[in-house]
Amino acid sequence: MYAIIEVGAKQYVVKKGDTIDVEKQAGQVGKDIALNKVLLVSKEKKIEIGQPYLKEAKVHATVMGNIKDEKVISFKYRRRKSSHWTKGHRQQFTQLKIKEIELGEK
C-alpha cells in the first residue's frame, strides 16, 4: 500500500515505515501529526484518485526531528565595479516517519 501526499508545495510517494524530509512543519519531536492532503492511495490492485484530494484519507506520521540541509552559497560579483557580496542559506526540514495510511472506506 502506498500513497501520494502533498506537504507544502511538494508531493511525496510514501509507504508505511518510510522516513521523509519535508519543509519545516509545526510540531514537537515525538508527536504524531495527520497529513490530510492525500492525492492518491493504492491498496493491492485498487487505486483511488482524489479530485484534487481524497476526503476520507489520512496519512499518520511521527515527527522524528528538525534538521538543516547543507549550506548553499550565493555569490554576486560585478567586474570592475569593486562590488561583490556573499550570502549563505541552510534550508530547514522536518523528518517524518510514516506510521499508517488510513483510507476512509465508503
Protein backbone atom coordinates (compact mmCIF):
# COMPACT_ATOMS: atom_id res chain seq x y z
CA MET A 1 0.00 0.00 0.00
CA TYR A 2 1.32 3.43 -0.89
CA ALA A 3 0.01 6.99 -1.11
CA ILE A 4 0.92 10.25 -2.79
CA ILE A 5 0.67 13.17 -0.37
CA GLU A 6 1.19 16.90 -0.65
CA VAL A 7 3.18 18.66 2.06
CA GLY A 8 3.92 22.32 1.49
CA ALA A 9 4.31 22.76 -2.27
CA LYS A 10 5.81 19.31 -2.91
CA GLN A 11 4.41 15.83 -3.46
CA TYR A 12 5.82 12.64 -1.95
CA VAL A 13 5.22 8.94 -2.56
CA VAL A 14 5.08 7.23 0.85
CA LYS A 15 4.66 3.75 2.27
CA LYS A 16 4.30 2.59 5.86
CA GLY A 17 7.66 2.81 7.62
CA ASP A 18 9.21 5.38 5.23
CA THR A 19 11.14 8.38 6.54
CA ILE A 20 10.82 11.59 4.52
CA ASP A 21 12.27 15.10 4.81
CA VAL A 22 9.64 17.80 4.25
CA GLU A 23 9.64 21.57 4.57
CA LYS A 24 9.63 22.65 8.20
CA GLN A 25 6.35 21.80 9.93
CA ALA A 26 4.94 22.89 13.26
CA GLY A 27 5.08 20.05 15.74
CA GLN A 28 7.17 18.77 18.60
CA VAL A 29 9.63 15.92 18.29
CA GLY A 30 7.96 12.61 19.06
CA LYS A 31 4.41 13.87 18.48
CA ASP A 32 2.07 12.45 15.86
CA ILE A 33 0.60 14.52 13.04
CA ALA A 34 -2.04 13.73 10.43
CA LEU A 35 -1.46 14.72 6.81
CA ASN A 36 -4.82 15.35 5.13
CA LYS A 37 -3.75 16.31 1.62
CA VAL A 38 -3.76 12.83 0.11
CA LEU A 39 -3.83 12.82 -3.71
CA LEU A 40 -3.80 9.08 -4.41
CA VAL A 41 -3.95 5.81 -2.48
CA SER A 42 -3.10 2.41 -3.90
CA LYS A 43 -4.20 -0.64 -1.91
CA GLU A 44 -3.41 -4.00 -3.52
CA LYS A 45 -4.94 -3.69 -7.02
CA LYS A 46 -7.34 -0.87 -6.11
CA ILE A 47 -6.33 2.75 -6.83
CA GLU A 48 -8.29 5.73 -5.54
CA ILE A 49 -7.59 9.16 -7.00
CA GLY A 50 -8.77 12.40 -5.43
CA GLN A 51 -10.04 15.47 -7.22
CA PRO A 52 -7.80 17.08 -6.03
CA TYR A 53 -7.71 15.35 -2.59
CA LEU A 54 -9.32 12.25 -1.10
CA LYS A 55 -11.73 13.47 1.58
CA GLU A 56 -11.59 10.49 3.94
CA ALA A 57 -7.92 9.52 3.53
CA LYS A 58 -5.21 10.48 6.02
CA VAL A 59 -1.57 9.65 6.49
CA HIS A 60 -0.39 9.47 10.10
CA ALA A 61 3.25 10.32 10.78
CA THR A 62 5.56 10.89 13.74
CA VAL A 63 7.89 13.91 13.90
CA MET A 64 11.41 12.49 14.22
CA GLY A 65 13.22 15.84 14.40
CA ASN A 66 14.13 19.11 12.75
CA ILE A 67 17.25 19.17 10.60
CA LYS A 68 19.11 21.59 8.34
CA ASP A 69 20.31 20.94 4.81
CA GLU A 70 23.85 21.68 3.64
CA LYS A 71 24.79 25.32 3.24
CA VAL A 72 24.15 26.87 -0.17
CA ILE A 73 26.37 29.85 -1.07
CA SER A 74 25.12 32.75 -3.22
CA PHE A 75 27.85 34.94 -4.67
CA LYS A 76 27.35 38.04 -6.78
CA TYR A 77 30.29 39.79 -8.43
CA ARG A 78 30.38 42.86 -10.65
CA ARG A 79 33.61 43.14 -12.55
CA ARG A 80 35.50 46.40 -12.49
CA LYS A 81 32.97 47.89 -10.03
CA SER A 82 34.57 46.82 -6.75
CA SER A 83 31.24 45.30 -5.81
CA HIS A 84 30.51 41.78 -4.58
CA TRP A 85 28.50 40.02 -1.89
CA THR A 86 28.26 36.54 -0.42
CA LYS A 87 25.25 35.01 1.34
CA GLY A 88 24.73 31.56 2.79
CA HIS A 89 21.48 29.70 3.42
CA ARG A 90 20.59 26.42 5.16
CA GLN A 91 17.09 25.14 4.43
CA GLN A 92 15.24 23.74 7.45
CA PHE A 93 13.46 20.39 7.19
CA THR A 94 11.30 18.22 9.39
CA GLN A 95 11.87 14.46 9.33
CA LEU A 96 8.65 12.45 9.35
CA LYS A 97 8.29 8.69 9.85
CA ILE A 98 5.12 7.33 8.24
CA LYS A 99 3.14 5.22 10.71
CA GLU A 100 -0.08 4.45 8.86
CA ILE A 101 -2.03 5.18 5.69
CA GLU A 102 -5.71 5.40 6.52
CA LEU A 103 -8.23 5.11 3.72
CA GLY A 104 -11.73 6.10 4.79
CA GLU A 105 -13.89 3.33 3.37
CA LYS A 106 -17.12 4.31 1.68
